[in-house]
């Protein structure tokens, strides 16, 4: 809903109607499907909303995991503009396991394994 000067998105209206207040920053669609605004939304910071993204394009096929030097794998998890990284994993699965554990602690209710 909007014109050339201001846009008001339907999920922000739905959130305000359900909660009784306007969301302070962003709206996160819990199951990442943007069409369902009834029970699928929650207030989120920009960082929290970014935590709930699905698998990103990666050669490893795993969220947070990239090919390192040689035969090694590396992993990186971000939260609030800070990166937590480790390298030297022998398998991409080991890198994912480490990253997933870090992400669970950092991302809390917004954790998404990809």
PDB file of N, CA and C in Angstrom:
ATOM      1  N   UNK A   1       0.869  -1.166   0.000  1.00  0.00           N
ATOM      2  CA  UNK A   1       0.000   0.000   0.000  1.00  0.00           C
ATOM      3  C   UNK A   1       0.910   1.221   0.000  1.00  0.00           C
ATOM      4  N   UNK A   2       0.662   2.194  -0.876  1.00  0.00           N
ATOM      5  CA  UNK A   2       1.511   3.369  -0.851  1.00  0.00           C
ATOM      6  C   UNK A   2       1.438   4.195  -2.113  1.00  0.00           C
ATOM      7  N   UNK A   3       2.246   5.234  -2.110  1.00  0.00           N
ATOM      8  CA  UNK A   3       2.361   6.101  -3.280  1.00  0.00           C
ATOM      9  C   UNK A   3       3.841   6.367  -3.522  1.00  0.00           C
ATOM     10  N   UNK A   4       4.156   7.395  -4.282  1.00  0.00           N
ATOM     11  CA  UNK A   4       5.555   7.668  -4.611  1.00  0.00           C
ATOM     12  C   UNK A   4       6.387   8.098  -3.401  1.00  0.00           C
ATOM     13  N   UNK A   5       5.755   8.557  -2.339  1.00  0.00           N
ATOM     14  CA  UNK A   5       6.493   9.086  -1.194  1.00  0.00           C
ATOM     15  C   UNK A   5       6.653   8.097  -0.052  1.00  0.00           C
ATOM     16  N   UNK A   6       5.703   7.199   0.140  1.00  0.00           N
ATOM     17  CA  UNK A   6       5.732   6.352   1.333  1.00  0.00           C
ATOM     18  C   UNK A   6       5.055   5.024   1.042  1.00  0.00           C
ATOM     19  N   UNK A   7       5.670   3.935   1.476  1.00  0.00           N
ATOM     20  CA  UNK A   7       5.096   2.607   1.314  1.00  0.00           C
ATOM     21  C   UNK A   7       4.836   1.985   2.676  1.00  0.00           C
ATOM     22  N   UNK A   8       3.712   1.338   2.828  1.00  0.00           N
ATOM     23  CA  UNK A   8       3.372   0.620   4.042  1.00  0.00           C
ATOM     24  C   UNK A   8       3.061  -0.817   3.641  1.00  0.00           C
ATOM     25  N   UNK A   9       3.905  -1.728   4.056  1.00  0.00           N
ATOM     26  CA  UNK A   9       3.757  -3.112   3.647  1.00  0.00           C
ATOM     27  C   UNK A   9       2.707  -3.838   4.481  1.00  0.00           C
ATOM     28  N   UNK A  10       1.997  -4.764   3.854  1.00  0.00           N
ATOM     29  CA  UNK A  10       0.881  -5.440   4.510  1.00  0.00           C
ATOM     30  C   UNK A  10       1.311  -6.197   5.760  1.00  0.00           C
ATOM     31  N   UNK A  11       2.533  -6.756   5.775  1.00  0.00           N
ATOM     32  CA  UNK A  11       2.949  -7.508   6.957  1.00  0.00           C
ATOM     33  C   UNK A  11       3.165  -6.581   8.159  1.00  0.00           C
ATOM     34  N   UNK A  12       3.514  -5.322   7.927  1.00  0.00           N
ATOM     35  CA  UNK A  12       3.651  -4.370   9.037  1.00  0.00           C
ATOM     36  C   UNK A  12       2.273  -4.011   9.597  1.00  0.00           C
ATOM     37  N   UNK A  13       1.290  -3.870   8.718  1.00  0.00           N
ATOM     38  CA  UNK A  13      -0.079  -3.599   9.159  1.00  0.00           C
ATOM     39  C   UNK A  13      -0.615  -4.792   9.943  1.00  0.00           C
ATOM     40  N   UNK A  14      -0.400  -6.006   9.421  1.00  0.00           N
ATOM     41  CA  UNK A  14      -0.865  -7.216  10.111  1.00  0.00           C
ATOM     42  C   UNK A  14      -0.220  -7.336  11.482  1.00  0.00           C
ATOM     43  N   UNK A  15       1.078  -7.060  11.578  1.00  0.00           N
ATOM     44  CA  UNK A  15       1.758  -7.141  12.863  1.00  0.00           C
ATOM     45  C   UNK A  15       1.157  -6.140  13.851  1.00  0.00           C
ATOM     46  N   UNK A  16       0.955  -4.907  13.417  1.00  0.00           N
ATOM     47  CA  UNK A  16       0.383  -3.874  14.294  1.00  0.00           C
ATOM     48  C   UNK A  16      -1.015  -4.255  14.754  1.00  0.00           C
ATOM     49  N   UNK A  17      -1.804  -4.830  13.866  1.00  0.00           N
ATOM     50  CA  UNK A  17      -3.160  -5.231  14.250  1.00  0.00           C
ATOM     51  C   UNK A  17      -3.131  -6.375  15.269  1.00  0.00           C
ATOM     52  N   UNK A  18      -2.181  -7.286  15.143  1.00  0.00           N
ATOM     53  CA  UNK A  18      -2.094  -8.425  16.060  1.00  0.00           C
ATOM     54  C   UNK A  18      -1.494  -8.048  17.407  1.00  0.00           C
ATOM     55  N   UNK A  19      -0.477  -7.193  17.386  1.00  0.00           N
ATOM     56  CA  UNK A  19       0.266  -6.908  18.609  1.00  0.00           C
ATOM     57  C   UNK A  19      -0.165  -5.623  19.309  1.00  0.00           C
ATOM     58  N   UNK A  20      -0.750  -4.711  18.566  1.00  0.00           N
ATOM     59  CA  UNK A  20      -1.158  -3.440  19.150  1.00  0.00           C
ATOM     60  C   UNK A  20      -0.083  -2.368  19.090  1.00  0.00           C
ATOM     61  N   UNK A  21       1.054  -2.656  18.441  1.00  0.00           N
ATOM     62  CA  UNK A  21       2.104  -1.637  18.280  1.00  0.00           C
ATOM     63  C   UNK A  21       2.840  -1.858  16.960  1.00  0.00           C
ATOM     64  N   UNK A  22       3.458  -0.789  16.466  1.00  0.00           N
ATOM     65  CA  UNK A  22       4.235  -0.883  15.234  1.00  0.00           C
ATOM     66  C   UNK A  22       5.571  -1.554  15.523  1.00  0.00           C
ATOM     67  N   UNK A  23       6.044  -2.402  14.628  1.00  0.00           N
ATOM     68  CA  UNK A  23       7.338  -3.053  14.843  1.00  0.00           C
ATOM     69  C   UNK A  23       8.460  -2.020  14.851  1.00  0.00           C
ATOM     70  N   UNK A  24       9.397  -2.149  15.782  1.00  0.00           N
ATOM     71  CA  UNK A  24      10.458  -1.156  15.899  1.00  0.00           C
ATOM     72  C   UNK A  24      11.422  -1.129  14.711  1.00  0.00           C
ATOM     73  N   UNK A  25      11.750  -2.281  14.144  1.00  0.00           N
ATOM     74  CA  UNK A  25      12.697  -2.310  13.020  1.00  0.00           C
ATOM     75  C   UNK A  25      12.112  -3.054  11.833  1.00  0.00           C
ATOM     76  N   UNK A  26      12.172  -4.368  11.867  1.00  0.00           N
ATOM     77  CA  UNK A  26      11.755  -5.181  10.734  1.00  0.00           C
ATOM     78  C   UNK A  26      10.757  -6.235  11.165  1.00  0.00           C
ATOM     79  N   UNK A  27      10.152  -6.859  10.172  1.00  0.00           N
ATOM     80  CA  UNK A  27       9.268  -7.990  10.392  1.00  0.00           C
ATOM     81  C   UNK A  27       9.956  -9.225   9.820  1.00  0.00           C
ATOM     82  N   UNK A  28       9.973 -10.291  10.598  1.00  0.00           N
ATOM     83  CA  UNK A  28      10.533 -11.554  10.149  1.00  0.00           C
ATOM     84  C   UNK A  28       9.390 -12.526   9.896  1.00  0.00           C
ATOM     85  N   UNK A  29       9.386 -13.154   8.731  1.00  0.00           N
ATOM     86  CA  UNK A  29       8.437 -14.230   8.450  1.00  0.00           C
ATOM     87  C   UNK A  29       9.070 -15.524   8.968  1.00  0.00           C
ATOM     88  N   UNK A  30       8.511 -16.085  10.004  1.00  0.00           N
ATOM     89  CA  UNK A  30       9.103 -17.198  10.731  1.00  0.00           C
ATOM     90  C   UNK A  30       9.468 -18.362   9.814  1.00  0.00           C
ATOM     91  N   UNK A  31       8.555 -18.754   8.927  1.00  0.00           N
ATOM     92  CA  UNK A  31       8.847 -19.874   8.030  1.00  0.00           C
ATOM     93  C   UNK A  31       9.395 -19.405   6.682  1.00  0.00           C
ATOM     94  N   UNK A  32       9.751 -18.152   6.583  1.00  0.00           N
ATOM     95  CA  UNK A  32      10.370 -17.519   5.411  1.00  0.00           C
ATOM     96  C   UNK A  32       9.431 -17.423   4.217  1.00  0.00           C
ATOM     97  N   UNK A  33       8.139 -17.667   4.412  1.00  0.00           N
ATOM     98  CA  UNK A  33       7.164 -17.508   3.325  1.00  0.00           C
ATOM     99  C   UNK A  33       6.463 -16.173   3.516  1.00  0.00           C
ATOM    100  N   UNK A  34       6.743 -15.244   2.658  1.00  0.00           N
ATOM    101  CA  UNK A  34       6.255 -13.878   2.812  1.00  0.00           C
ATOM    102  C   UNK A  34       4.788 -13.656   2.541  1.00  0.00           C
ATOM    103  N   UNK A  35       4.069 -14.662   2.138  1.00  0.00           N
ATOM    104  CA  UNK A  35       2.653 -14.479   1.799  1.00  0.00           C
ATOM    105  C   UNK A  35       1.714 -14.653   2.992  1.00  0.00           C
ATOM    106  N   UNK A  36       2.157 -15.299   4.052  1.00  0.00           N
ATOM    107  CA  UNK A  36       1.292 -15.584   5.205  1.00  0.00           C
ATOM    108  C   UNK A  36       1.594 -14.592   6.321  1.00  0.00           C
ATOM    109  N   UNK A  37       0.703 -13.634   6.521  1.00  0.00           N
ATOM    110  CA  UNK A  37       0.921 -12.608   7.532  1.00  0.00           C
ATOM    111  C   UNK A  37       0.080 -12.804   8.792  1.00  0.00           C
ATOM    112  N   UNK A  38      -0.616 -13.905   8.924  1.00  0.00           N
ATOM    113  CA  UNK A  38      -1.499 -14.079  10.074  1.00  0.00           C
ATOM    114  C   UNK A  38      -0.757 -14.531  11.330  1.00  0.00           C
ATOM    115  N   UNK A  39      -0.103 -15.665  11.284  1.00  0.00           N
ATOM    116  CA  UNK A  39       0.581 -16.178  12.474  1.00  0.00           C
ATOM    117  C   UNK A  39       2.058 -16.403  12.213  1.00  0.00           C
ATOM    118  N   UNK A  40       2.538 -15.931  11.100  1.00  0.00           N
ATOM    119  CA  UNK A  40       3.880 -16.244  10.633  1.00  0.00           C
ATOM    120  C   UNK A  40       4.855 -15.085  10.786  1.00  0.00           C
ATOM    121  N   UNK A  41       4.528 -14.080  11.570  1.00  0.00           N
ATOM    122  CA  UNK A  41       5.376 -12.888  11.644  1.00  0.00           C
ATOM    123  C   UNK A  41       5.767 -12.555  13.080  1.00  0.00           C
ATOM    124  N   UNK A  42       6.927 -11.914  13.199  1.00  0.00           N
ATOM    125  CA  UNK A  42       7.401 -11.459  14.507  1.00  0.00           C
ATOM    126  C   UNK A  42       8.302 -10.246  14.278  1.00  0.00           C
ATOM    127  N   UNK A  43       8.404  -9.413  15.293  1.00  0.00           N
ATOM    128  CA  UNK A  43       9.301  -8.258  15.222  1.00  0.00           C
ATOM    129  C   UNK A  43      10.741  -8.762  15.280  1.00  0.00           C
ATOM    130  N   UNK A  44      11.619  -8.093  14.532  1.00  0.00           N
ATOM    131  CA  UNK A  44      13.012  -8.522  14.485  1.00  0.00           C
ATOM    132  C   UNK A  44      13.910  -7.324  14.207  1.00  0.00           C
ATOM    133  N   UNK A  45      15.137  -7.430  14.679  1.00  0.00           N
ATOM    134  CA  UNK A  45      16.141  -6.449  14.266  1.00  0.00           C
ATOM    135  C   UNK A  45      16.625  -6.856  12.876  1.00  0.00           C
ATOM    136  N   UNK A  46      17.368  -6.000  12.223  1.00  0.00           N
ATOM    137  CA  UNK A  46      17.929  -6.353  10.917  1.00  0.00           C
ATOM    138  C   UNK A  46      18.787  -7.603  11.041  1.00  0.00           C
ATOM    139  N   UNK A  47      19.596  -7.675  12.102  1.00  0.00           N
ATOM    140  CA  UNK A  47      20.477  -8.813  12.320  1.00  0.00           C
ATOM    141  C   UNK A  47      19.686 -10.095  12.564  1.00  0.00           C
ATOM    142  N   UNK A  48      18.624 -10.020  13.377  1.00  0.00           N
ATOM    143  CA  UNK A  48      17.784 -11.189  13.642  1.00  0.00           C
ATOM    144  C   UNK A  48      17.135 -11.689  12.351  1.00  0.00           C
ATOM    145  N   UNK A  49      16.627 -10.766  11.558  1.00  0.00           N
ATOM    146  CA  UNK A  49      15.967 -11.134  10.306  1.00  0.00           C
ATOM    147  C   UNK A  49      16.948 -11.837   9.370  1.00  0.00           C
ATOM    148  N   UNK A  50      18.180 -11.383   9.343  1.00  0.00           N
ATOM    149  CA  UNK A  50      19.202 -11.993   8.497  1.00  0.00           C
ATOM    150  C   UNK A  50      19.533 -13.417   8.975  1.00  0.00           C
ATOM    151  N   UNK A  51      19.402 -13.682  10.267  1.00  0.00           N
ATOM    152  CA  UNK A  51      19.688 -15.020  10.804  1.00  0.00           C
ATOM    153  C   UNK A  51      18.720 -16.063  10.279  1.00  0.00           C
ATOM    154  N   UNK A  52      17.521 -15.651   9.938  1.00  0.00           N
ATOM    155  CA  UNK A  52      16.482 -16.591   9.526  1.00  0.00           C
ATOM    156  C   UNK A  52      16.497 -16.883   8.029  1.00  0.00           C
ATOM    157  N   UNK A  53      17.544 -16.517   7.334  1.00  0.00           N
ATOM    158  CA  UNK A  53      17.634 -16.833   5.902  1.00  0.00           C
ATOM    159  C   UNK A  53      17.905 -18.316   5.714  1.00  0.00           C
ATOM    160  N   UNK A  54      17.461 -18.831   4.595  1.00  0.00           N
ATOM    161  CA  UNK A  54      17.710 -20.229   4.262  1.00  0.00           C
ATOM    162  C   UNK A  54      19.129 -20.424   3.773  1.00  0.00           C
ATOM    163  N   UNK A  55      19.360 -21.557   3.143  1.00  0.00           N
ATOM    164  CA  UNK A  55      20.693 -21.887   2.651  1.00  0.00           C
ATOM    165  C   UNK A  55      21.120 -20.874   1.599  1.00  0.00           C
ATOM    166  N   UNK A  56      22.303 -20.331   1.765  1.00  0.00           N
ATOM    167  CA  UNK A  56      22.846 -19.393   0.810  1.00  0.00           C
ATOM    168  C   UNK A  56      23.596 -20.165  -0.266  1.00  0.00           C
ATOM    169  N   UNK A  57      23.778 -19.546  -1.409  1.00  0.00           N
ATOM    170  CA  UNK A  57      24.515 -20.206  -2.485  1.00  0.00           C
ATOM    171  C   UNK A  57      25.955 -20.414  -2.052  1.00  0.00           C
ATOM    172  N   UNK A  58      26.354 -21.657  -2.041  1.00  0.00           N
ATOM    173  CA  UNK A  58      27.696 -22.004  -1.613  1.00  0.00           C
ATOM    174  C   UNK A  58      28.128 -23.262  -2.355  1.00  0.00           C
ATOM    175  N   UNK A  59      29.387 -23.325  -2.711  1.00  0.00           N
ATOM    176  CA  UNK A  59      29.909 -24.503  -3.409  1.00  0.00           C
ATOM    177  C   UNK A  59      29.787 -25.758  -2.544  1.00  0.00           C
ATOM    178  N   UNK A  60      29.773 -25.582  -1.235  1.00  0.00           N
ATOM    179  CA  UNK A  60      29.677 -26.731  -0.333  1.00  0.00           C
ATOM    180  C   UNK A  60      28.270 -27.310  -0.287  1.00  0.00           C
ATOM    181  N   UNK A  61      27.274 -26.485  -0.605  1.00  0.00           N
ATOM    182  CA  UNK A  61      25.888 -26.906  -0.467  1.00  0.00           C
ATOM    183  C   UNK A  61      25.379 -26.780   0.951  1.00  0.00           C
ATOM    184  N   UNK A  62      26.208 -26.252   1.847  1.00  0.00           N
ATOM    185  CA  UNK A  62      25.837 -26.105   3.251  1.00  0.00           C
ATOM    186  C   UNK A  62      25.929 -24.638   3.673  1.00  0.00           C
ATOM    187  N   UNK A  63      24.947 -24.197   4.430  1.00  0.00           N
ATOM    188  CA  UNK A  63      24.955 -22.836   4.952  1.00  0.00           C
ATOM    189  C   UNK A  63      26.189 -22.634   5.834  1.00  0.00           C
ATOM    190  N   UNK A  64      26.828 -21.501   5.732  1.00  0.00           N
ATOM    191  CA  UNK A  64      27.984 -21.068   6.525  1.00  0.00           C
ATOM    192  C   UNK A  64      29.310 -21.707   6.114  1.00  0.00           C
ATOM    193  N   UNK A  65      29.324 -22.674   5.211  1.00  0.00           N
ATOM    194  CA  UNK A  65      30.536 -23.447   4.903  1.00  0.00           C
ATOM    195  C   UNK A  65      31.061 -23.123   3.507  1.00  0.00           C
ATOM    196  N   UNK A  66      32.364 -22.895   3.422  1.00  0.00           N
ATOM    197  CA  UNK A  66      33.033 -22.630   2.146  1.00  0.00           C
ATOM    198  C   UNK A  66      34.308 -23.455   2.064  1.00  0.00           C
ATOM    199  N   UNK A  67      34.773 -23.621   0.868  1.00  0.00           N
ATOM    200  CA  UNK A  67      36.035 -24.334   0.641  1.00  0.00           C
ATOM    201  C   UNK A  67      37.179 -23.487   1.150  1.00  0.00           C
ATOM    202  N   UNK A  68      38.067 -24.096   1.885  1.00  0.00           N
ATOM    203  CA  UNK A  68      39.246 -23.408   2.390  1.00  0.00           C
ATOM    204  C   UNK A  68      40.430 -23.663   1.481  1.00  0.00           C
ATOM    205  N   UNK A  69      41.605 -23.550   2.015  1.00  0.00           N
ATOM    206  CA  UNK A  69      42.805 -23.806   1.228  1.00  0.00           C
ATOM    207  C   UNK A  69      43.082 -25.306   1.163  1.00  0.00           C
ATOM    208  N   UNK A  70      43.579 -25.746   0.040  1.00  0.00           N
ATOM    209  CA  UNK A  70      43.871 -27.167  -0.124  1.00  0.00           C
ATOM    210  C   UNK A  70      42.622 -28.009  -0.030  1.00  0.00           C
ATOM    211  N   UNK A  71      42.667 -29.023   0.819  1.00  0.00           N
ATOM    212  CA  UNK A  71      41.522 -29.916   0.983  1.00  0.00           C
ATOM    213  C   UNK A  71      40.664 -29.540   2.189  1.00  0.00           C
ATOM    214  N   UNK A  72      40.973 -28.442   2.818  1.00  0.00           N
ATOM    215  CA  UNK A  72      40.278 -28.038   4.035  1.00  0.00           C
ATOM    216  C   UNK A  72      39.009 -27.240   3.740  1.00  0.00           C
ATOM    217  N   UNK A  73      38.165 -27.159   4.764  1.00  0.00           N
ATOM    218  CA  UNK A  73      36.924 -26.395   4.704  1.00  0.00           C
ATOM    219  C   UNK A  73      36.951 -25.342   5.795  1.00  0.00           C
ATOM    220  N   UNK A  74      36.216 -24.259   5.570  1.00  0.00           N
ATOM    221  CA  UNK A  74      36.116 -23.199   6.577  1.00  0.00           C
ATOM    222  C   UNK A  74      34.651 -22.851   6.801  1.00  0.00           C
ATOM    223  N   UNK A  75      34.375 -22.263   7.956  1.00  0.00           N
ATOM    224  CA  UNK A  75      33.000 -21.887   8.298  1.00  0.00           C
ATOM    225  C   UNK A  75      32.998 -20.499   8.908  1.00  0.00           C
ATOM    226  N   UNK A  76      31.925 -19.762   8.655  1.00  0.00           N
ATOM    227  CA  UNK A  76      31.781 -18.416   9.217  1.00  0.00           C
ATOM    228  C   UNK A  76      30.303 -18.152   9.508  1.00  0.00           C
ATOM    229  N   UNK A  77      30.029 -17.647  10.704  1.00  0.00           N
ATOM    230  CA  UNK A  77      28.681 -17.287  11.129  1.00  0.00           C
ATOM    231  C   UNK A  77      28.716 -15.818  11.534  1.00  0.00           C
ATOM    232  N   UNK A  78      27.702 -15.049  11.106  1.00  0.00           N
ATOM    233  CA  UNK A  78      27.658 -13.625  11.432  1.00  0.00           C
ATOM    234  C   UNK A  78      26.477 -13.308  12.349  1.00  0.00           C
ATOM    235  N   UNK A  79      26.701 -12.296  13.197  1.00  0.00           N
ATOM    236  CA  UNK A  79      25.630 -11.755  14.038  1.00  0.00           C
ATOM    237  C   UNK A  79      26.037 -10.347  14.456  1.00  0.00           C
ATOM    238  N   UNK A  80      25.148  -9.389  14.265  1.00  0.00           N
ATOM    239  CA  UNK A  80      25.393  -7.993  14.640  1.00  0.00           C
ATOM    240  C   UNK A  80      26.712  -7.459  14.080  1.00  0.00           C
ATOM    241  N   UNK A  81      26.943  -7.687  12.802  1.00  0.00           N
ATOM    242  CA  UNK A  81      28.140  -7.211  12.099  1.00  0.00           C
ATOM    243  C   UNK A  81      29.445  -7.784  12.643  1.00  0.00           C
ATOM    244  N   UNK A  82      29.373  -8.886  13.354  1.00  0.00           N
ATOM    245  CA  UNK A  82      30.574  -9.553  13.836  1.00  0.00           C
ATOM    246  C   UNK A  82      30.613 -10.958  13.233  1.00  0.00           C
ATOM    247  N   UNK A  83      31.799 -11.368  12.793  1.00  0.00           N
ATOM    248  CA  UNK A  83      31.946 -12.668  12.157  1.00  0.00           C
ATOM    249  C   UNK A  83      32.713 -13.619  13.076  1.00  0.00           C
ATOM    250  N   UNK A  84      32.209 -14.830  13.199  1.00  0.00           N
ATOM    251  CA  UNK A  84      32.842 -15.883  13.974  1.00  0.00           C
ATOM    252  C   UNK A  84      33.298 -16.936  12.966  1.00  0.00           C
ATOM    253  N   UNK A  85      34.604 -17.143  12.861  1.00  0.00           N
ATOM    254  CA  UNK A  85      35.140 -17.982  11.802  1.00  0.00           C
ATOM    255  C   UNK A  85      36.090 -19.046  12.342  1.00  0.00           C
ATOM    256  N   UNK A  86      36.149 -20.154  11.623  1.00  0.00           N
ATOM    257  CA  UNK A  86      37.111 -21.216  11.920  1.00  0.00           C
ATOM    258  C   UNK A  86      37.467 -21.891  10.599  1.00  0.00           C
ATOM    259  N   UNK A  87      38.690 -22.393  10.530  1.00  0.00           N
ATOM    260  CA  UNK A  87      39.156 -23.035   9.299  1.00  0.00           C
ATOM    261  C   UNK A  87      39.906 -24.310   9.653  1.00  0.00           C
ATOM    262  N   UNK A  88      40.239 -25.070   8.628  1.00  0.00           N
ATOM    263  CA  UNK A  88      41.025 -26.273   8.814  1.00  0.00           C
ATOM    264  C   UNK A  88      40.207 -27.528   9.041  1.00  0.00           C
ATOM    265  N   UNK A  89      38.912 -27.478   8.785  1.00  0.00           N
ATOM    266  CA  UNK A  89      38.085 -28.678   8.949  1.00  0.00           C
ATOM    267  C   UNK A  89      38.391 -29.660   7.823  1.00  0.00           C
ATOM    268  N   UNK A  90      38.469 -30.927   8.136  1.00  0.00           N
ATOM    269  CA  UNK A  90      38.783 -31.940   7.138  1.00  0.00           C
ATOM    270  C   UNK A  90      37.592 -32.284   6.253  1.00  0.00           C
ATOM    271  N   UNK A  91      36.381 -32.082   6.783  1.00  0.00           N
ATOM    272  CA  UNK A  91      35.173 -32.330   5.985  1.00  0.00           C
ATOM    273  C   UNK A  91      34.245 -31.131   6.072  1.00  0.00           C
ATOM    274  N   UNK A  92      33.424 -30.982   5.051  1.00  0.00           N
ATOM    275  CA  UNK A  92      32.462 -29.884   5.073  1.00  0.00           C
ATOM    276  C   UNK A  92      31.403 -30.125   6.146  1.00  0.00           C
ATOM    277  N   UNK A  93      31.125 -31.382   6.450  1.00  0.00           N
ATOM    278  CA  UNK A  93      30.152 -31.708   7.502  1.00  0.00           C
ATOM    279  C   UNK A  93      30.660 -31.278   8.875  1.00  0.00           C
ATOM    280  N   UNK A  94      31.951 -31.444   9.119  1.00  0.00           N
ATOM    281  CA  UNK A  94      32.533 -31.006  10.400  1.00  0.00           C
ATOM    282  C   UNK A  94      32.469 -29.487  10.515  1.00  0.00           C
ATOM    283  N   UNK A  95      32.723 -28.795   9.416  1.00  0.00           N
ATOM    284  CA  UNK A  95      32.631 -27.334   9.424  1.00  0.00           C
ATOM    285  C   UNK A  95      31.201 -26.892   9.692  1.00  0.00           C
ATOM    286  N   UNK A  96      30.236 -27.564   9.080  1.00  0.00           N
ATOM    287  CA  UNK A  96      28.830 -27.242   9.287  1.00  0.00           C
ATOM    288  C   UNK A  96      28.416 -27.507  10.733  1.00  0.00           C
ATOM    289  N   UNK A  97      28.848 -28.603  11.300  1.00  0.00           N
ATOM    290  CA  UNK A  97      28.509 -28.936  12.691  1.00  0.00           C
ATOM    291  C   UNK A  97      29.008 -27.845  13.641  1.00  0.00           C
ATOM    292  N   UNK A  98      30.238 -27.378  13.423  1.00  0.00           N
ATOM    293  CA  UNK A  98      30.783 -26.301  14.255  1.00  0.00           C
ATOM    294  C   UNK A  98      29.963 -25.031  14.071  1.00  0.00           C
ATOM    295  N   UNK A  99      29.713 -24.665  12.810  1.00  0.00           N
ATOM    296  CA  UNK A  99      28.982 -23.427  12.526  1.00  0.00           C
ATOM    297  C   UNK A  99      27.563 -23.486  13.065  1.00  0.00           C
ATOM    298  N   UNK A 100      26.918 -24.630  12.940  1.00  0.00           N
ATOM    299  CA  UNK A 100      25.555 -24.776  13.428  1.00  0.00           C
ATOM    300  C   UNK A 100      25.480 -24.578  14.945  1.00  0.00           C
ATOM    301  N   UNK A 101      26.455 -25.112  15.668  1.00  0.00           N
ATOM    302  CA  UNK A 101      26.495 -24.929  17.118  1.00  0.00           C
ATOM    303  C   UNK A 101      26.673 -23.468  17.506  1.00  0.00           C
ATOM    304  N   UNK A 102      27.559 -22.777  16.801  1.00  0.00           N
ATOM    305  CA  UNK A 102      27.762 -21.339  17.057  1.00  0.00           C
ATOM    306  C   UNK A 102      26.484 -20.570  16.726  1.00  0.00           C
ATOM    307  N   UNK A 103      25.880 -20.869  15.578  1.00  0.00           N
ATOM    308  CA  UNK A 103      24.675 -20.156  15.146  1.00  0.00           C
ATOM    309  C   UNK A 103      23.516 -20.362  16.122  1.00  0.00           C
ATOM    310  N   UNK A 104      23.354 -21.567  16.653  1.00  0.00           N
ATOM    311  CA  UNK A 104      22.276 -21.817  17.618  1.00  0.00           C
ATOM    312  C   UNK A 104      22.406 -20.897  18.825  1.00  0.00           C
ATOM    313  N   UNK A 105      23.646 -20.736  19.313  1.00  0.00           N
ATOM    314  CA  UNK A 105      23.864 -19.870  20.479  1.00  0.00           C
ATOM    315  C   UNK A 105      23.691 -18.393  20.135  1.00  0.00           C
ATOM    316  N   UNK A 106      24.190 -17.981  18.978  1.00  0.00           N
ATOM    317  CA  UNK A 106      24.124 -16.570  18.604  1.00  0.00           C
ATOM    318  C   UNK A 106      22.745 -16.133  18.129  1.00  0.00           C
ATOM    319  N   UNK A 107      22.078 -16.973  17.352  1.00  0.00           N
ATOM    320  CA  UNK A 107      20.837 -16.583  16.694  1.00  0.00           C
ATOM    321  C   UNK A 107      19.587 -16.867  17.515  1.00  0.00           C
ATOM    322  N   UNK A 108      19.688 -17.721  18.527  1.00  0.00           N
ATOM    323  CA  UNK A 108      18.548 -17.987  19.407  1.00  0.00           C
ATOM    324  C   UNK A 108      17.305 -18.411  18.641  1.00  0.00           C
ATOM    325  N   UNK A 109      16.180 -17.778  18.922  1.00  0.00           N
ATOM    326  CA  UNK A 109      14.914 -18.159  18.292  1.00  0.00           C
ATOM    327  C   UNK A 109      14.904 -17.924  16.775  1.00  0.00           C
ATOM    328  N   UNK A 110      15.856 -17.163  16.266  1.00  0.00           N
ATOM    329  CA  UNK A 110      15.933 -16.883  14.832  1.00  0.00           C
ATOM    330  C   UNK A 110      16.860 -17.870  14.107  1.00  0.00           C
ATOM    331  N   UNK A 111      17.390 -18.853  14.830  1.00  0.00           N
ATOM    332  CA  UNK A 111      18.282 -19.852  14.240  1.00  0.00           C
ATOM    333  C   UNK A 111      17.571 -20.593  13.103  1.00  0.00           C
ATOM    334  N   UNK A 112      18.253 -20.704  11.975  1.00  0.00           N
ATOM    335  CA  UNK A 112      17.734 -21.448  10.831  1.00  0.00           C
ATOM    336  C   UNK A 112      18.874 -22.283  10.283  1.00  0.00           C
ATOM    337  N   UNK A 113      18.774 -23.609  10.345  1.00  0.00           N
ATOM    338  CA  UNK A 113      19.886 -24.453   9.925  1.00  0.00           C
ATOM    339  C   UNK A 113      20.129 -24.469   8.420  1.00  0.00           C
ATOM    340  N   UNK A 114      19.256 -23.835   7.648  1.00  0.00           N
ATOM    341  CA  UNK A 114      19.456 -23.786   6.206  1.00  0.00           C
ATOM    342  C   UNK A 114      18.676 -24.852   5.556  1.00  0.00           C
TER     343      UNK A 114
END
